[in-house]
Amino acid sequence: MLREEKKARARAAMADAAAALFAEHGYDGVAMTQVARAAGVSEQTLYNYFPTKESLVFDQADAFEATMLATLAGHGPDGDLLDAYRRWLDAFLLGPAARRAVENPGGMVRLVAGSDALRRALLDLAHRVAGALGPELERTAGYAPAAATALADGLVAVFVRTVERLGAAPNRRAVPAVTRRAHEALDALRPLVHSRS
């Protein structure tokens, strides 16, 4: 356990160093060598944790996928699934996290807003997560394949659109409006939640 904690701390330190550099110089203005130097690690160590510069921006991608799948596992079409997803979205992306993200020029939401390459990377991540979520909804909640795919795509689309809206938010006062729109988008998915076929 101690070894895993040490690795997690090292990973977080590298991601933090990258975020500080991105905030100062922009995503395109930072090289992996600079991140390694700022984090006090070798380039090889940095690449062992983060194989690409994009992965430094999406350093929470594994947590995004794992926590979302765990949250939705076992929820059926009785409405609980949307409530569970809403709680997860509020904890993972909205609330205090959103206020920090809106004000952090080196954070994921701001960087994605300013880079077509990072927006494509976000969409690739969303596609991968939706592809994992669909079969999970089939397996644990009894959805037919087409319904599971449609619902998975809808849930992940709400996440992507919320990231985009946060990235475009002028300041933290805009977060309640972004939150409200995310919740409205989830409410619009209720017909999909109640359809197993």
N, C-alpha and C. Protein backbone atom coordinates (compact mmCIF):
# COMPACT_ATOMS: atom_id res chain seq x y z
N MET A 1 0.83 -1.20 0.00
CA MET A 1 0.00 0.00 0.00
C MET A 1 0.87 1.26 0.00
N LEU A 2 1.94 1.24 0.75
CA LEU A 2 2.83 2.39 0.83
C LEU A 2 3.41 2.71 -0.55
N ARG A 3 3.76 1.65 -1.29
CA ARG A 3 4.31 1.84 -2.64
C ARG A 3 3.28 2.50 -3.55
N GLU A 4 2.03 2.07 -3.47
CA GLU A 4 0.98 2.66 -4.30
C GLU A 4 0.73 4.12 -3.93
N GLU A 5 0.77 4.41 -2.64
CA GLU A 5 0.59 5.81 -2.20
C GLU A 5 1.73 6.68 -2.71
N LYS A 6 2.94 6.15 -2.69
CA LYS A 6 4.09 6.89 -3.18
C LYS A 6 3.96 7.17 -4.67
N LYS A 7 3.51 6.16 -5.42
CA LYS A 7 3.31 6.34 -6.86
C LYS A 7 2.20 7.36 -7.13
N ALA A 8 1.13 7.33 -6.34
CA ALA A 8 0.04 8.28 -6.53
C ALA A 8 0.51 9.70 -6.25
N ARG A 9 1.33 9.87 -5.21
CA ARG A 9 1.86 11.20 -4.89
C ARG A 9 2.78 11.70 -6.00
N ALA A 10 3.62 10.80 -6.53
CA ALA A 10 4.54 11.18 -7.61
C ALA A 10 3.74 11.58 -8.85
N ARG A 11 2.71 10.81 -9.16
CA ARG A 11 1.86 11.12 -10.32
C ARG A 11 1.19 12.48 -10.15
N ALA A 12 0.64 12.72 -8.97
CA ALA A 12 -0.03 14.00 -8.71
C ALA A 12 0.95 15.16 -8.81
N ALA A 13 2.18 14.97 -8.32
CA ALA A 13 3.17 16.04 -8.38
C ALA A 13 3.53 16.38 -9.83
N MET A 14 3.64 15.37 -10.65
CA MET A 14 3.94 15.61 -12.07
C MET A 14 2.77 16.33 -12.76
N ALA A 15 1.55 15.90 -12.48
CA ALA A 15 0.38 16.55 -13.07
C ALA A 15 0.27 17.99 -12.60
N ASP A 16 0.56 18.24 -11.34
CA ASP A 16 0.52 19.60 -10.80
C ASP A 16 1.57 20.49 -11.46
N ALA A 17 2.76 19.94 -11.65
CA ALA A 17 3.83 20.70 -12.31
C ALA A 17 3.42 21.05 -13.73
N ALA A 18 2.82 20.09 -14.41
CA ALA A 18 2.36 20.35 -15.79
C ALA A 18 1.28 21.43 -15.80
N ALA A 19 0.33 21.34 -14.88
CA ALA A 19 -0.76 22.33 -14.85
C ALA A 19 -0.22 23.73 -14.61
N ALA A 20 0.78 23.85 -13.74
CA ALA A 20 1.37 25.17 -13.48
C ALA A 20 2.05 25.71 -14.74
N LEU A 21 2.76 24.85 -15.45
CA LEU A 21 3.42 25.27 -16.69
C LEU A 21 2.39 25.61 -17.77
N PHE A 22 1.35 24.80 -17.88
CA PHE A 22 0.30 25.08 -18.87
C PHE A 22 -0.37 26.42 -18.57
N ALA A 23 -0.58 26.70 -17.29
CA ALA A 23 -1.22 27.97 -16.91
C ALA A 23 -0.35 29.15 -17.31
N GLU A 24 0.96 28.99 -17.21
CA GLU A 24 1.87 30.09 -17.49
C GLU A 24 2.17 30.25 -18.98
N HIS A 25 2.35 29.10 -19.67
CA HIS A 25 2.83 29.15 -21.05
C HIS A 25 1.83 28.65 -22.09
N GLY A 26 0.68 28.13 -21.65
CA GLY A 26 -0.27 27.53 -22.58
C GLY A 26 0.13 26.10 -22.90
N TYR A 27 -0.84 25.33 -23.36
CA TYR A 27 -0.59 23.91 -23.63
C TYR A 27 0.49 23.73 -24.70
N ASP A 28 0.37 24.46 -25.79
CA ASP A 28 1.32 24.30 -26.90
C ASP A 28 2.71 24.81 -26.56
N GLY A 29 2.82 25.68 -25.56
CA GLY A 29 4.11 26.27 -25.21
C GLY A 29 4.92 25.48 -24.21
N VAL A 30 4.47 24.27 -23.88
CA VAL A 30 5.16 23.46 -22.87
C VAL A 30 5.61 22.14 -23.48
N ALA A 31 6.85 21.78 -23.23
CA ALA A 31 7.40 20.50 -23.69
C ALA A 31 7.49 19.53 -22.50
N MET A 32 7.47 18.27 -22.82
CA MET A 32 7.58 17.25 -21.77
C MET A 32 8.88 17.40 -20.97
N THR A 33 9.95 17.83 -21.61
CA THR A 33 11.21 18.03 -20.89
C THR A 33 11.05 19.08 -19.80
N GLN A 34 10.28 20.14 -20.10
CA GLN A 34 10.04 21.18 -19.09
C GLN A 34 9.23 20.63 -17.91
N VAL A 35 8.26 19.80 -18.21
CA VAL A 35 7.45 19.22 -17.13
C VAL A 35 8.32 18.34 -16.25
N ALA A 36 9.14 17.51 -16.86
CA ALA A 36 10.03 16.63 -16.08
C ALA A 36 10.94 17.46 -15.18
N ARG A 37 11.51 18.51 -15.75
CA ARG A 37 12.41 19.36 -14.97
C ARG A 37 11.67 20.02 -13.80
N ALA A 38 10.49 20.55 -14.08
CA ALA A 38 9.72 21.23 -13.03
C ALA A 38 9.28 20.25 -11.94
N ALA A 39 9.01 19.00 -12.32
CA ALA A 39 8.58 18.00 -11.34
C ALA A 39 9.75 17.35 -10.62
N GLY A 40 10.97 17.59 -11.10
CA GLY A 40 12.15 17.00 -10.47
C GLY A 40 12.31 15.52 -10.75
N VAL A 41 11.89 15.10 -11.95
CA VAL A 41 12.02 13.69 -12.33
C VAL A 41 12.68 13.61 -13.69
N SER A 42 13.15 12.42 -14.04
CA SER A 42 13.72 12.22 -15.36
C SER A 42 12.60 12.18 -16.40
N GLU A 43 12.98 12.42 -17.64
CA GLU A 43 11.99 12.33 -18.71
C GLU A 43 11.39 10.92 -18.78
N GLN A 44 12.24 9.92 -18.61
CA GLN A 44 11.76 8.54 -18.66
C GLN A 44 10.72 8.28 -17.58
N THR A 45 10.97 8.79 -16.38
CA THR A 45 9.99 8.63 -15.30
C THR A 45 8.67 9.29 -15.66
N LEU A 46 8.75 10.51 -16.21
CA LEU A 46 7.54 11.21 -16.62
C LEU A 46 6.78 10.39 -17.65
N TYR A 47 7.49 9.87 -18.65
CA TYR A 47 6.83 9.08 -19.70
C TYR A 47 6.27 7.77 -19.16
N ASN A 48 6.87 7.23 -18.11
CA ASN A 48 6.33 6.01 -17.50
C ASN A 48 4.94 6.27 -16.92
N TYR A 49 4.73 7.45 -16.39
CA TYR A 49 3.44 7.80 -15.79
C TYR A 49 2.49 8.40 -16.83
N PHE A 50 3.05 9.22 -17.72
CA PHE A 50 2.24 9.96 -18.69
C PHE A 50 2.88 9.78 -20.08
N PRO A 51 2.36 8.85 -20.87
CA PRO A 51 3.00 8.56 -22.16
C PRO A 51 2.89 9.68 -23.19
N THR A 52 1.95 10.61 -23.00
CA THR A 52 1.79 11.73 -23.93
C THR A 52 1.53 13.01 -23.15
N LYS A 53 1.71 14.12 -23.81
CA LYS A 53 1.40 15.40 -23.16
C LYS A 53 -0.10 15.51 -22.89
N GLU A 54 -0.90 14.99 -23.80
CA GLU A 54 -2.35 14.99 -23.58
C GLU A 54 -2.73 14.27 -22.30
N SER A 55 -2.02 13.19 -21.99
CA SER A 55 -2.36 12.43 -20.78
C SER A 55 -2.09 13.22 -19.51
N LEU A 56 -1.23 14.23 -19.58
CA LEU A 56 -1.03 15.12 -18.44
C LEU A 56 -2.27 15.99 -18.20
N VAL A 57 -2.94 16.35 -19.27
CA VAL A 57 -4.15 17.16 -19.16
C VAL A 57 -5.30 16.31 -18.62
N PHE A 58 -5.36 15.06 -19.10
CA PHE A 58 -6.44 14.15 -18.71
C PHE A 58 -5.95 13.17 -17.65
N ASP A 59 -5.25 13.69 -16.66
CA ASP A 59 -4.67 12.82 -15.63
C ASP A 59 -5.72 12.15 -14.76
N GLN A 60 -6.97 12.66 -14.79
CA GLN A 60 -8.05 12.05 -14.01
C GLN A 60 -8.92 11.12 -14.86
N ALA A 61 -8.47 10.79 -16.06
CA ALA A 61 -9.29 9.97 -16.97
C ALA A 61 -9.63 8.62 -16.37
N ASP A 62 -8.67 7.96 -15.74
CA ASP A 62 -8.95 6.65 -15.15
C ASP A 62 -9.96 6.76 -14.02
N ALA A 63 -9.82 7.80 -13.20
CA ALA A 63 -10.79 8.01 -12.11
C ALA A 63 -12.16 8.34 -12.67
N PHE A 64 -12.21 9.12 -13.73
CA PHE A 64 -13.47 9.44 -14.40
C PHE A 64 -14.19 8.16 -14.79
N GLU A 65 -13.49 7.30 -15.49
CA GLU A 65 -14.12 6.07 -15.96
C GLU A 65 -14.48 5.13 -14.81
N ALA A 66 -13.53 4.90 -13.91
CA ALA A 66 -13.75 3.93 -12.83
C ALA A 66 -14.87 4.36 -11.89
N THR A 67 -14.87 5.63 -11.50
CA THR A 67 -15.89 6.06 -10.54
C THR A 67 -17.26 6.14 -11.19
N MET A 68 -17.31 6.53 -12.46
CA MET A 68 -18.60 6.59 -13.13
C MET A 68 -19.18 5.18 -13.29
N LEU A 69 -18.36 4.23 -13.74
CA LEU A 69 -18.86 2.86 -13.90
C LEU A 69 -19.29 2.28 -12.56
N ALA A 70 -18.51 2.53 -11.52
CA ALA A 70 -18.87 2.00 -10.20
C ALA A 70 -20.17 2.62 -9.69
N THR A 71 -20.36 3.90 -9.96
CA THR A 71 -21.57 4.60 -9.52
C THR A 71 -22.81 4.03 -10.18
N LEU A 72 -22.70 3.70 -11.46
CA LEU A 72 -23.88 3.27 -12.22
C LEU A 72 -24.12 1.77 -12.16
N ALA A 73 -23.16 1.02 -11.69
CA ALA A 73 -23.31 -0.44 -11.66
C ALA A 73 -24.53 -0.82 -10.81
N GLY A 74 -25.40 -1.60 -11.41
CA GLY A 74 -26.53 -2.14 -10.66
C GLY A 74 -27.75 -1.25 -10.61
N HIS A 75 -27.68 -0.06 -11.19
CA HIS A 75 -28.86 0.82 -11.20
C HIS A 75 -29.72 0.50 -12.41
N GLY A 76 -30.98 0.29 -12.18
CA GLY A 76 -31.90 -0.07 -13.25
C GLY A 76 -32.69 1.11 -13.76
N PRO A 77 -33.73 0.84 -14.58
CA PRO A 77 -34.49 1.91 -15.23
C PRO A 77 -35.59 2.49 -14.36
N ASP A 78 -35.37 2.58 -13.08
CA ASP A 78 -36.40 3.12 -12.18
C ASP A 78 -36.11 4.56 -11.78
N GLY A 79 -35.17 5.19 -12.44
CA GLY A 79 -34.83 6.58 -12.11
C GLY A 79 -33.64 6.71 -11.20
N ASP A 80 -33.32 5.67 -10.44
CA ASP A 80 -32.17 5.75 -9.55
C ASP A 80 -30.87 5.96 -10.31
N LEU A 81 -30.79 5.43 -11.52
CA LEU A 81 -29.58 5.55 -12.31
C LEU A 81 -29.25 7.02 -12.58
N LEU A 82 -30.24 7.80 -12.98
CA LEU A 82 -30.00 9.22 -13.23
C LEU A 82 -29.65 9.97 -11.95
N ASP A 83 -30.30 9.62 -10.87
CA ASP A 83 -29.98 10.26 -9.59
C ASP A 83 -28.54 9.96 -9.18
N ALA A 84 -28.13 8.70 -9.38
CA ALA A 84 -26.76 8.31 -9.05
C ALA A 84 -25.77 9.06 -9.93
N TYR A 85 -26.08 9.15 -11.22
CA TYR A 85 -25.19 9.86 -12.15
C TYR A 85 -25.10 11.34 -11.80
N ARG A 86 -26.23 11.92 -11.46
CA ARG A 86 -26.24 13.35 -11.08
C ARG A 86 -25.34 13.58 -9.87
N ARG A 87 -25.45 12.71 -8.86
CA ARG A 87 -24.59 12.85 -7.67
C ARG A 87 -23.12 12.71 -8.05
N TRP A 88 -22.83 11.74 -8.92
CA TRP A 88 -21.44 11.55 -9.36
C TRP A 88 -20.95 12.78 -10.11
N LEU A 89 -21.73 13.29 -11.06
CA LEU A 89 -21.34 14.45 -11.85
C LEU A 89 -21.11 15.66 -10.96
N ASP A 90 -21.99 15.85 -9.98
CA ASP A 90 -21.84 16.97 -9.06
C ASP A 90 -20.55 16.84 -8.25
N ALA A 91 -20.23 15.63 -7.83
CA ALA A 91 -19.02 15.43 -7.01
C ALA A 91 -17.75 15.49 -7.85
N PHE A 92 -17.79 14.89 -9.04
CA PHE A 92 -16.57 14.76 -9.85
C PHE A 92 -16.24 16.02 -10.63
N LEU A 93 -17.25 16.71 -11.15
CA LEU A 93 -17.00 17.80 -12.09
C LEU A 93 -17.59 19.14 -11.65
N LEU A 94 -18.72 19.11 -10.98
CA LEU A 94 -19.39 20.35 -10.61
C LEU A 94 -19.07 20.71 -9.16
N GLY A 95 -19.84 21.60 -8.55
CA GLY A 95 -19.57 21.98 -7.16
C GLY A 95 -18.23 22.67 -7.01
N PRO A 96 -17.52 22.43 -5.90
CA PRO A 96 -16.22 23.07 -5.66
C PRO A 96 -15.21 22.78 -6.77
N ALA A 97 -15.27 21.55 -7.35
CA ALA A 97 -14.34 21.21 -8.43
C ALA A 97 -14.53 22.14 -9.62
N ALA A 98 -15.78 22.46 -9.93
CA ALA A 98 -16.06 23.34 -11.08
C ALA A 98 -15.56 24.75 -10.81
N ARG A 99 -15.76 25.23 -9.61
CA ARG A 99 -15.31 26.59 -9.30
C ARG A 99 -13.78 26.68 -9.43
N ARG A 100 -13.08 25.65 -8.96
CA ARG A 100 -11.62 25.65 -9.12
C ARG A 100 -11.24 25.54 -10.59
N ALA A 101 -11.94 24.68 -11.34
CA ALA A 101 -11.61 24.46 -12.75
C ALA A 101 -11.79 25.72 -13.58
N VAL A 102 -12.85 26.46 -13.32
CA VAL A 102 -13.13 27.67 -14.09
C VAL A 102 -12.02 28.70 -13.90
N GLU A 103 -11.43 28.72 -12.73
CA GLU A 103 -10.43 29.74 -12.43
C GLU A 103 -9.00 29.27 -12.66
N ASN A 104 -8.80 28.02 -13.09
CA ASN A 104 -7.45 27.49 -13.27
C ASN A 104 -7.11 27.42 -14.76
N PRO A 105 -6.31 28.37 -15.26
CA PRO A 105 -6.00 28.36 -16.69
C PRO A 105 -5.17 27.16 -17.13
N GLY A 106 -4.56 26.45 -16.17
CA GLY A 106 -3.77 25.26 -16.51
C GLY A 106 -4.52 23.97 -16.29
N GLY A 107 -5.80 24.06 -15.95
CA GLY A 107 -6.60 22.87 -15.70
C GLY A 107 -7.26 22.35 -16.97
N MET A 108 -7.80 21.15 -16.86
CA MET A 108 -8.35 20.46 -18.02
C MET A 108 -9.44 21.26 -18.73
N VAL A 109 -10.42 21.79 -18.01
CA VAL A 109 -11.55 22.42 -18.71
C VAL A 109 -11.11 23.66 -19.48
N ARG A 110 -10.21 24.44 -18.92
CA ARG A 110 -9.73 25.63 -19.63
C ARG A 110 -8.85 25.24 -20.82
N LEU A 111 -8.01 24.25 -20.64
CA LEU A 111 -7.13 23.83 -21.73
C LEU A 111 -7.93 23.25 -22.89
N VAL A 112 -8.94 22.45 -22.59
CA VAL A 112 -9.78 21.88 -23.65
C VAL A 112 -10.49 22.99 -24.42
N ALA A 113 -10.94 24.01 -23.71
CA ALA A 113 -11.64 25.12 -24.37
C ALA A 113 -10.75 25.85 -25.36
N GLY A 114 -9.44 25.81 -25.14
CA GLY A 114 -8.53 26.55 -25.99
C GLY A 114 -7.77 25.73 -27.00
N SER A 115 -8.09 24.44 -27.13
CA SER A 115 -7.29 23.58 -28.01
C SER A 115 -8.18 22.58 -28.74
N ASP A 116 -8.15 22.63 -30.07
CA ASP A 116 -8.90 21.66 -30.85
C ASP A 116 -8.37 20.24 -30.62
N ALA A 117 -7.06 20.11 -30.49
CA ALA A 117 -6.47 18.78 -30.27
C ALA A 117 -6.95 18.19 -28.96
N LEU A 118 -7.02 19.01 -27.91
CA LEU A 118 -7.48 18.50 -26.62
C LEU A 118 -8.97 18.23 -26.63
N ARG A 119 -9.72 19.00 -27.38
CA ARG A 119 -11.16 18.71 -27.50
C ARG A 119 -11.36 17.36 -28.19
N ARG A 120 -10.57 17.09 -29.23
CA ARG A 120 -10.65 15.78 -29.89
C ARG A 120 -10.26 14.67 -28.91
N ALA A 121 -9.25 14.93 -28.10
CA ALA A 121 -8.84 13.93 -27.10
C ALA A 121 -9.95 13.68 -26.09
N LEU A 122 -10.66 14.75 -25.69
CA LEU A 122 -11.79 14.59 -24.77
C LEU A 122 -12.88 13.74 -25.43
N LEU A 123 -13.16 14.00 -26.69
CA LEU A 123 -14.18 13.22 -27.39
C LEU A 123 -13.76 11.76 -27.54
N ASP A 124 -12.47 11.52 -27.77
CA ASP A 124 -11.97 10.14 -27.84
C ASP A 124 -12.15 9.44 -26.51
N LEU A 125 -11.82 10.15 -25.43
CA LEU A 125 -12.00 9.59 -24.09
C LEU A 125 -13.48 9.29 -23.84
N ALA A 126 -14.34 10.22 -24.20
CA ALA A 126 -15.78 10.03 -24.00
C ALA A 126 -16.28 8.82 -24.78
N HIS A 127 -15.80 8.67 -26.01
CA HIS A 127 -16.21 7.52 -26.83
C HIS A 127 -15.78 6.21 -26.18
N ARG A 128 -14.55 6.19 -25.66
CA ARG A 128 -14.04 4.98 -24.99
C ARG A 128 -14.87 4.65 -23.75
N VAL A 129 -15.17 5.66 -22.96
CA VAL A 129 -15.94 5.44 -21.73
C VAL A 129 -17.37 5.00 -22.06
N ALA A 130 -17.99 5.63 -23.05
CA ALA A 130 -19.33 5.22 -23.44
C ALA A 130 -19.33 3.78 -23.93
N GLY A 131 -18.26 3.40 -24.63
CA GLY A 131 -18.15 2.02 -25.11
C GLY A 131 -18.04 1.01 -23.99
N ALA A 132 -17.47 1.42 -22.86
CA ALA A 132 -17.40 0.53 -21.70
C ALA A 132 -18.70 0.57 -20.89
N LEU A 133 -19.34 1.72 -20.87
CA LEU A 133 -20.55 1.88 -20.07
C LEU A 133 -21.74 1.11 -20.66
N GLY A 134 -21.87 1.11 -21.97
CA GLY A 134 -22.99 0.42 -22.60
C GLY A 134 -23.10 -1.05 -22.18
N PRO A 135 -22.04 -1.84 -22.35
CA PRO A 135 -22.10 -3.24 -21.91
C PRO A 135 -22.33 -3.39 -20.40
N GLU A 136 -21.83 -2.44 -19.64
CA GLU A 136 -22.05 -2.49 -18.18
C GLU A 136 -23.53 -2.31 -17.86
N LEU A 137 -24.19 -1.42 -18.57
CA LEU A 137 -25.62 -1.21 -18.37
C LEU A 137 -26.42 -2.44 -18.81
N GLU A 138 -25.97 -3.09 -19.86
CA GLU A 138 -26.61 -4.35 -20.27
C GLU A 138 -26.47 -5.40 -19.18
N ARG A 139 -25.24 -5.55 -18.69
CA ARG A 139 -24.93 -6.62 -17.75
C ARG A 139 -25.57 -6.40 -16.38
N THR A 140 -25.48 -5.20 -15.86
CA THR A 140 -25.92 -4.99 -14.47
C THR A 140 -27.34 -4.47 -14.34
N ALA A 141 -27.87 -3.84 -15.40
CA ALA A 141 -29.20 -3.23 -15.27
C ALA A 141 -30.23 -3.83 -16.22
N GLY A 142 -29.82 -4.75 -17.07
CA GLY A 142 -30.77 -5.44 -17.92
C GLY A 142 -31.23 -4.70 -19.15
N TYR A 143 -30.49 -3.69 -19.58
CA TYR A 143 -30.87 -2.96 -20.79
C TYR A 143 -30.55 -3.79 -22.03
N ALA A 144 -31.38 -3.65 -23.05
CA ALA A 144 -31.07 -4.23 -24.36
C ALA A 144 -29.88 -3.46 -24.95
N PRO A 145 -29.12 -4.08 -25.85
CA PRO A 145 -27.92 -3.42 -26.37
C PRO A 145 -28.16 -2.02 -26.94
N ALA A 146 -29.20 -1.85 -27.75
CA ALA A 146 -29.44 -0.53 -28.36
C ALA A 146 -29.79 0.51 -27.30
N ALA A 147 -30.60 0.14 -26.33
CA ALA A 147 -30.98 1.08 -25.26
C ALA A 147 -29.77 1.42 -24.39
N ALA A 148 -28.95 0.41 -24.11
CA ALA A 148 -27.75 0.65 -23.29
C ALA A 148 -26.79 1.59 -24.00
N THR A 149 -26.61 1.39 -25.29
CA THR A 149 -25.72 2.26 -26.07
C THR A 149 -26.23 3.69 -26.10
N ALA A 150 -27.53 3.85 -26.35
CA ALA A 150 -28.10 5.20 -26.40
C ALA A 150 -27.98 5.90 -25.06
N LEU A 151 -28.25 5.19 -23.99
CA LEU A 151 -28.17 5.80 -22.66
C LEU A 151 -26.72 6.13 -22.30
N ALA A 152 -25.81 5.21 -22.59
CA ALA A 152 -24.39 5.47 -22.31
C ALA A 152 -23.91 6.69 -23.08
N ASP A 153 -24.26 6.77 -24.36
CA ASP A 153 -23.86 7.93 -25.17
C ASP A 153 -24.44 9.22 -24.60
N GLY A 154 -25.70 9.17 -24.16
CA GLY A 154 -26.33 10.36 -23.59
C GLY A 154 -25.67 10.82 -22.30
N LEU A 155 -25.38 9.88 -21.41
CA LEU A 155 -24.75 10.23 -20.14
C LEU A 155 -23.37 10.83 -20.36
N VAL A 156 -22.60 10.23 -21.23
CA VAL A 156 -21.24 10.73 -21.48
C VAL A 156 -21.30 12.06 -22.22
N ALA A 157 -22.29 12.24 -23.09
CA ALA A 157 -22.43 13.53 -23.78
C ALA A 157 -22.71 14.66 -22.80
N VAL A 158 -23.48 14.38 -21.76
CA VAL A 158 -23.73 15.39 -20.74
C VAL A 158 -22.41 15.79 -20.07
N PHE A 159 -21.55 14.81 -19.81
CA PHE A 159 -20.25 15.11 -19.21
C PHE A 159 -19.43 16.01 -20.14
N VAL A 160 -19.34 15.63 -21.41
CA VAL A 160 -18.55 16.41 -22.37
C VAL A 160 -19.08 17.83 -22.49
N ARG A 161 -20.39 17.95 -22.63
CA ARG A 161 -20.98 19.29 -22.79
C ARG A 161 -20.77 20.14 -21.53
N THR A 162 -20.79 19.50 -20.38
CA THR A 162 -20.55 20.24 -19.14
C THR A 162 -19.11 20.73 -19.07
N VAL A 163 -18.16 19.89 -19.49
CA VAL A 163 -16.76 20.33 -19.56
C VAL A 163 -16.64 21.53 -20.48
N GLU A 164 -17.29 21.46 -21.64
CA GLU A 164 -17.21 22.57 -22.60
C GLU A 164 -17.82 23.84 -22.03
N ARG A 165 -18.94 23.72 -21.35
CA ARG A 165 -19.58 24.91 -20.77
C ARG A 165 -18.73 25.51 -19.65
N LEU A 166 -18.11 24.66 -18.85
CA LEU A 166 -17.23 25.16 -17.80
C LEU A 166 -16.03 25.88 -18.42
N GLY A 167 -15.49 25.31 -19.50
CA GLY A 167 -14.35 25.93 -20.17
C GLY A 167 -14.68 27.29 -20.74
N ALA A 168 -15.95 27.49 -21.12
CA ALA A 168 -16.38 28.77 -21.68
C ALA A 168 -16.90 29.74 -20.62
N ALA A 169 -17.01 29.27 -19.37
CA ALA A 169 -17.56 30.12 -18.31
C ALA A 169 -16.61 31.27 -18.01
N PRO A 170 -17.13 32.49 -17.90
CA PRO A 170 -16.26 33.64 -17.67
C PRO A 170 -15.67 33.68 -16.27
N ASN A 171 -16.39 33.13 -15.29
CA ASN A 171 -15.89 33.13 -13.91
C ASN A 171 -16.72 32.14 -13.09
N ARG A 172 -16.38 32.01 -11.83
CA ARG A 172 -17.03 31.01 -10.99
C ARG A 172 -18.51 31.31 -10.75
N ARG A 173 -18.94 32.55 -10.96
CA ARG A 173 -20.36 32.86 -10.78
C ARG A 173 -21.22 32.17 -11.82
N ALA A 174 -20.60 31.71 -12.91
CA ALA A 174 -21.35 31.02 -13.97
C ALA A 174 -21.59 29.54 -13.63
N VAL A 175 -20.92 29.01 -12.60
CA VAL A 175 -21.03 27.58 -12.30
C VAL A 175 -22.47 27.15 -11.98
N PRO A 176 -23.25 27.89 -11.19
CA PRO A 176 -24.63 27.45 -10.96
C PRO A 176 -25.44 27.29 -12.25
N ALA A 177 -25.24 28.19 -13.22
CA ALA A 177 -25.96 28.07 -14.49
C ALA A 177 -25.51 26.83 -15.25
N VAL A 178 -24.21 26.55 -15.24
CA VAL A 178 -23.70 25.34 -15.90
C VAL A 178 -24.27 24.10 -15.22
N THR A 179 -24.33 24.12 -13.90
CA THR A 179 -24.88 23.00 -13.14
C THR A 179 -26.35 22.79 -13.49
N ARG A 180 -27.10 23.87 -13.53
CA ARG A 180 -28.52 23.77 -13.86
C ARG A 180 -28.72 23.16 -15.25
N ARG A 181 -27.93 23.59 -16.21
CA ARG A 181 -28.06 23.06 -17.57
C ARG A 181 -27.68 21.58 -17.62
N ALA A 182 -26.68 21.19 -16.86
CA ALA A 182 -26.30 19.77 -16.82
C ALA A 182 -27.44 18.94 -16.24
N HIS A 183 -28.05 19.43 -15.17
CA HIS A 183 -29.17 18.70 -14.56
C HIS A 183 -30.37 18.63 -15.51
N GLU A 184 -30.62 19.70 -16.26
CA GLU A 184 -31.71 19.69 -17.24
C GLU A 184 -31.43 18.67 -18.34
N ALA A 185 -30.16 18.59 -18.76
CA ALA A 185 -29.80 17.63 -19.80
C ALA A 185 -29.99 16.20 -19.30
N LEU A 186 -29.68 15.97 -18.03
CA LEU A 186 -29.91 14.64 -17.45
C LEU A 186 -31.40 14.33 -17.38
N ASP A 187 -32.20 15.30 -17.00
CA ASP A 187 -33.65 15.08 -16.95
C ASP A 187 -34.20 14.70 -18.32
N ALA A 188 -33.60 15.26 -19.37
CA ALA A 188 -34.06 14.94 -20.73
C ALA A 188 -33.77 13.49 -21.11
N LEU A 189 -32.89 12.83 -20.36
CA LEU A 189 -32.56 11.43 -20.65
C LEU A 189 -33.53 10.45 -19.97
N ARG A 190 -34.47 10.96 -19.17
CA ARG A 190 -35.36 10.05 -18.44
C ARG A 190 -36.09 9.05 -19.33
N PRO A 191 -36.56 9.44 -20.53
CA PRO A 191 -37.21 8.42 -21.37
C PRO A 191 -36.29 7.26 -21.73
N LEU A 192 -35.00 7.56 -21.92
CA LEU A 192 -34.04 6.49 -22.21
C LEU A 192 -33.84 5.58 -21.01
N VAL A 193 -33.83 6.17 -19.81
CA VAL A 193 -33.62 5.39 -18.60
C VAL A 193 -34.74 4.38 -18.42
N HIS A 194 -35.96 4.78 -18.78
CA HIS A 194 -37.12 3.92 -18.56
C HIS A 194 -37.38 2.96 -19.72
N SER A 195 -36.54 3.03 -20.74
CA SER A 195 -36.72 2.14 -21.90
C SER A 195 -35.64 1.08 -21.90
N ARG A 196 -36.02 -0.17 -21.72
CA ARG A 196 -35.03 -1.25 -21.75
C ARG A 196 -34.82 -1.81 -23.15
N SER A 197 -35.73 -1.53 -24.07
CA SER A 197 -35.65 -2.17 -25.38
C SER A 197 -35.03 -1.25 -26.42
